[in-house]
Every structure is written in C-alpha cells, then in structure tokens.
Amino acid sequence: MNTKVIGQRLIELRGERKREEVANAIGVSKSAIAMYEAGERVPRDPLKLKIANYYNKTVEEIFFAK
C-alpha cells in the first residue's frame, strides 16, 4: 500500500482531533503521528492495531484496503 494513501487516511480519521491527543491515546510521540500522516513512515504491526482500535476501524481498512 502506498504510504501517502495511508497517511491521507490517517489524516481523515484524525479529523478535528489534535495530533497530541491521538499520540497520547496510542502511546507514541506527536512527531511519530506527523510522520505517519506525511507518509514518511508506516507504523509497526502492534501500533497499527492500536491505531485501528483507537479509530474503531480494522487494520485492513486503514493500512491495506484500496
């Protein structure tokens, strides 16, 4: 999956929330959230699961669906 597409999905899911709020909820830094959203990095599998749970989505919906 294209990292830019994943990043865009993460931005859309975050909506009006601040990066800091999401970062605190899933246990990463605000800069890590920014890198995921920019498509510079893809989170490791355990973190993908935390992100999916936070947004009430499946890992597949966020990171693998076309």
N, C-alpha and C. Protein backbone atom coordinates (compact mmCIF):
# COMPACT_ATOMS: atom_id res chain seq x y z
N MET A 1 0.85 -1.19 0.00
CA MET A 1 0.00 0.00 0.00
C MET A 1 0.89 1.24 0.00
N ASN A 2 0.49 2.21 -0.74
CA ASN A 2 1.20 3.48 -0.85
C ASN A 2 1.18 4.23 0.48
N THR A 3 2.35 4.65 0.95
CA THR A 3 2.42 5.33 2.26
C THR A 3 1.67 6.66 2.24
N LYS A 4 1.60 7.31 1.09
CA LYS A 4 0.86 8.58 1.00
C LYS A 4 -0.63 8.35 1.18
N VAL A 5 -1.14 7.23 0.63
CA VAL A 5 -2.56 6.90 0.79
C VAL A 5 -2.86 6.60 2.26
N ILE A 6 -1.99 5.84 2.89
CA ILE A 6 -2.16 5.54 4.32
C ILE A 6 -2.15 6.83 5.13
N GLY A 7 -1.19 7.70 4.83
CA GLY A 7 -1.10 8.98 5.52
C GLY A 7 -2.36 9.80 5.39
N GLN A 8 -2.92 9.84 4.19
CA GLN A 8 -4.15 10.59 3.95
C GLN A 8 -5.31 10.00 4.74
N ARG A 9 -5.38 8.67 4.80
CA ARG A 9 -6.43 8.02 5.59
C ARG A 9 -6.30 8.40 7.06
N LEU A 10 -5.07 8.40 7.57
CA LEU A 10 -4.86 8.74 8.98
C LEU A 10 -5.26 10.18 9.26
N ILE A 11 -4.97 11.08 8.34
CA ILE A 11 -5.37 12.49 8.49
C ILE A 11 -6.90 12.59 8.53
N GLU A 12 -7.56 11.89 7.62
CA GLU A 12 -9.02 11.93 7.58
C GLU A 12 -9.63 11.35 8.84
N LEU A 13 -9.06 10.26 9.35
CA LEU A 13 -9.57 9.65 10.57
C LEU A 13 -9.37 10.56 11.78
N ARG A 14 -8.25 11.27 11.81
CA ARG A 14 -7.98 12.16 12.95
C ARG A 14 -8.97 13.30 13.00
N GLY A 15 -9.39 13.79 11.83
CA GLY A 15 -10.39 14.85 11.78
C GLY A 15 -9.96 16.09 12.54
N GLU A 16 -10.80 16.51 13.48
CA GLU A 16 -10.55 17.73 14.26
C GLU A 16 -9.67 17.49 15.49
N ARG A 17 -9.35 16.24 15.76
CA ARG A 17 -8.50 15.96 16.92
C ARG A 17 -7.10 16.50 16.69
N LYS A 18 -6.45 16.87 17.77
CA LYS A 18 -5.06 17.31 17.68
C LYS A 18 -4.16 16.07 17.61
N ARG A 19 -3.04 16.22 16.93
CA ARG A 19 -2.07 15.11 16.86
C ARG A 19 -1.67 14.65 18.25
N GLU A 20 -1.51 15.60 19.15
CA GLU A 20 -1.09 15.28 20.51
C GLU A 20 -2.10 14.36 21.20
N GLU A 21 -3.38 14.60 20.98
CA GLU A 21 -4.43 13.77 21.57
C GLU A 21 -4.32 12.33 21.08
N VAL A 22 -4.16 12.16 19.77
CA VAL A 22 -4.03 10.83 19.19
C VAL A 22 -2.75 10.15 19.68
N ALA A 23 -1.66 10.91 19.67
CA ALA A 23 -0.37 10.37 20.11
C ALA A 23 -0.45 9.86 21.55
N ASN A 24 -1.04 10.65 22.43
CA ASN A 24 -1.17 10.24 23.83
C ASN A 24 -2.03 9.00 23.97
N ALA A 25 -3.09 8.93 23.19
CA ALA A 25 -4.02 7.80 23.29
C ALA A 25 -3.39 6.48 22.85
N ILE A 26 -2.49 6.54 21.86
CA ILE A 26 -1.91 5.29 21.37
C ILE A 26 -0.48 5.06 21.85
N GLY A 27 0.09 6.04 22.55
CA GLY A 27 1.39 5.83 23.18
C GLY A 27 2.59 6.10 22.30
N VAL A 28 2.49 7.09 21.42
CA VAL A 28 3.63 7.49 20.60
C VAL A 28 3.81 9.01 20.69
N SER A 29 4.87 9.50 20.06
CA SER A 29 5.10 10.94 20.07
C SER A 29 4.24 11.63 19.01
N LYS A 30 4.05 12.92 19.22
CA LYS A 30 3.31 13.72 18.24
C LYS A 30 4.04 13.73 16.90
N SER A 31 5.37 13.72 16.94
CA SER A 31 6.14 13.70 15.69
C SER A 31 5.97 12.37 14.95
N ALA A 32 5.77 11.28 15.68
CA ALA A 32 5.52 9.99 15.03
C ALA A 32 4.21 10.04 14.26
N ILE A 33 3.18 10.62 14.86
CA ILE A 33 1.89 10.77 14.17
C ILE A 33 2.08 11.60 12.91
N ALA A 34 2.84 12.68 13.02
CA ALA A 34 3.09 13.55 11.86
C ALA A 34 3.80 12.78 10.75
N MET A 35 4.77 11.94 11.10
CA MET A 35 5.48 11.16 10.09
C MET A 35 4.57 10.12 9.43
N TYR A 36 3.69 9.48 10.21
CA TYR A 36 2.76 8.53 9.63
C TYR A 36 1.80 9.24 8.66
N GLU A 37 1.33 10.41 9.08
CA GLU A 37 0.39 11.17 8.24
C GLU A 37 1.06 11.72 6.98
N ALA A 38 2.34 12.01 7.05
CA ALA A 38 3.07 12.52 5.90
C ALA A 38 3.51 11.41 4.95
N GLY A 39 3.32 10.17 5.38
CA GLY A 39 3.74 9.05 4.55
C GLY A 39 5.23 8.79 4.61
N GLU A 40 5.88 9.34 5.64
CA GLU A 40 7.33 9.15 5.79
C GLU A 40 7.66 7.84 6.49
N ARG A 41 6.72 7.34 7.26
CA ARG A 41 6.89 6.08 7.98
C ARG A 41 5.57 5.34 8.03
N VAL A 42 5.67 4.03 8.18
CA VAL A 42 4.48 3.19 8.42
C VAL A 42 4.69 2.55 9.78
N PRO A 43 3.68 2.61 10.65
CA PRO A 43 3.85 2.03 11.98
C PRO A 43 4.04 0.52 11.93
N ARG A 44 4.71 0.00 12.94
CA ARG A 44 4.87 -1.45 13.07
C ARG A 44 3.53 -2.08 13.41
N ASP A 45 3.44 -3.37 13.22
CA ASP A 45 2.16 -4.07 13.37
C ASP A 45 1.46 -3.84 14.71
N PRO A 46 2.14 -3.93 15.86
CA PRO A 46 1.42 -3.71 17.12
C PRO A 46 0.80 -2.30 17.20
N LEU A 47 1.50 -1.33 16.63
CA LEU A 47 0.98 0.03 16.65
C LEU A 47 -0.16 0.20 15.65
N LYS A 48 -0.09 -0.51 14.54
CA LYS A 48 -1.22 -0.49 13.58
C LYS A 48 -2.50 -0.92 14.29
N LEU A 49 -2.39 -1.94 15.12
CA LEU A 49 -3.55 -2.44 15.85
C LEU A 49 -4.08 -1.39 16.83
N LYS A 50 -3.19 -0.72 17.54
CA LYS A 50 -3.61 0.34 18.47
C LYS A 50 -4.31 1.47 17.73
N ILE A 51 -3.76 1.86 16.59
CA ILE A 51 -4.36 2.93 15.79
C ILE A 51 -5.75 2.51 15.31
N ALA A 52 -5.85 1.29 14.79
CA ALA A 52 -7.14 0.79 14.31
C ALA A 52 -8.17 0.75 15.44
N ASN A 53 -7.77 0.27 16.60
CA ASN A 53 -8.68 0.23 17.75
C ASN A 53 -9.11 1.63 18.17
N TYR A 54 -8.17 2.57 18.17
CA TYR A 54 -8.48 3.94 18.56
C TYR A 54 -9.54 4.55 17.65
N TYR A 55 -9.42 4.30 16.35
CA TYR A 55 -10.36 4.86 15.39
C TYR A 55 -11.56 3.95 15.12
N ASN A 56 -11.64 2.81 15.85
CA ASN A 56 -12.72 1.86 15.68
C ASN A 56 -12.83 1.36 14.24
N LYS A 57 -11.68 1.05 13.67
CA LYS A 57 -11.56 0.50 12.32
C LYS A 57 -10.74 -0.77 12.39
N THR A 58 -10.67 -1.50 11.28
CA THR A 58 -9.78 -2.66 11.23
C THR A 58 -8.43 -2.22 10.66
N VAL A 59 -7.41 -2.99 10.96
CA VAL A 59 -6.08 -2.71 10.39
C VAL A 59 -6.17 -2.72 8.87
N GLU A 60 -6.93 -3.67 8.33
CA GLU A 60 -7.07 -3.78 6.88
C GLU A 60 -7.69 -2.52 6.27
N GLU A 61 -8.72 -1.97 6.92
CA GLU A 61 -9.37 -0.77 6.40
C GLU A 61 -8.41 0.40 6.29
N ILE A 62 -7.54 0.54 7.26
CA ILE A 62 -6.62 1.70 7.28
C ILE A 62 -5.39 1.46 6.44
N PHE A 63 -4.78 0.29 6.60
CA PHE A 63 -3.45 0.09 6.05
C PHE A 63 -3.37 -0.77 4.78
N PHE A 64 -4.46 -1.47 4.42
CA PHE A 64 -4.37 -2.37 3.29
C PHE A 64 -5.47 -2.22 2.24
N ALA A 65 -6.63 -1.67 2.60
CA ALA A 65 -7.73 -1.55 1.65
C ALA A 65 -7.36 -0.59 0.52
N LYS A 66 -7.92 -0.84 -0.64
CA LYS A 66 -7.63 0.01 -1.80
C LYS A 66 -8.64 1.12 -1.94
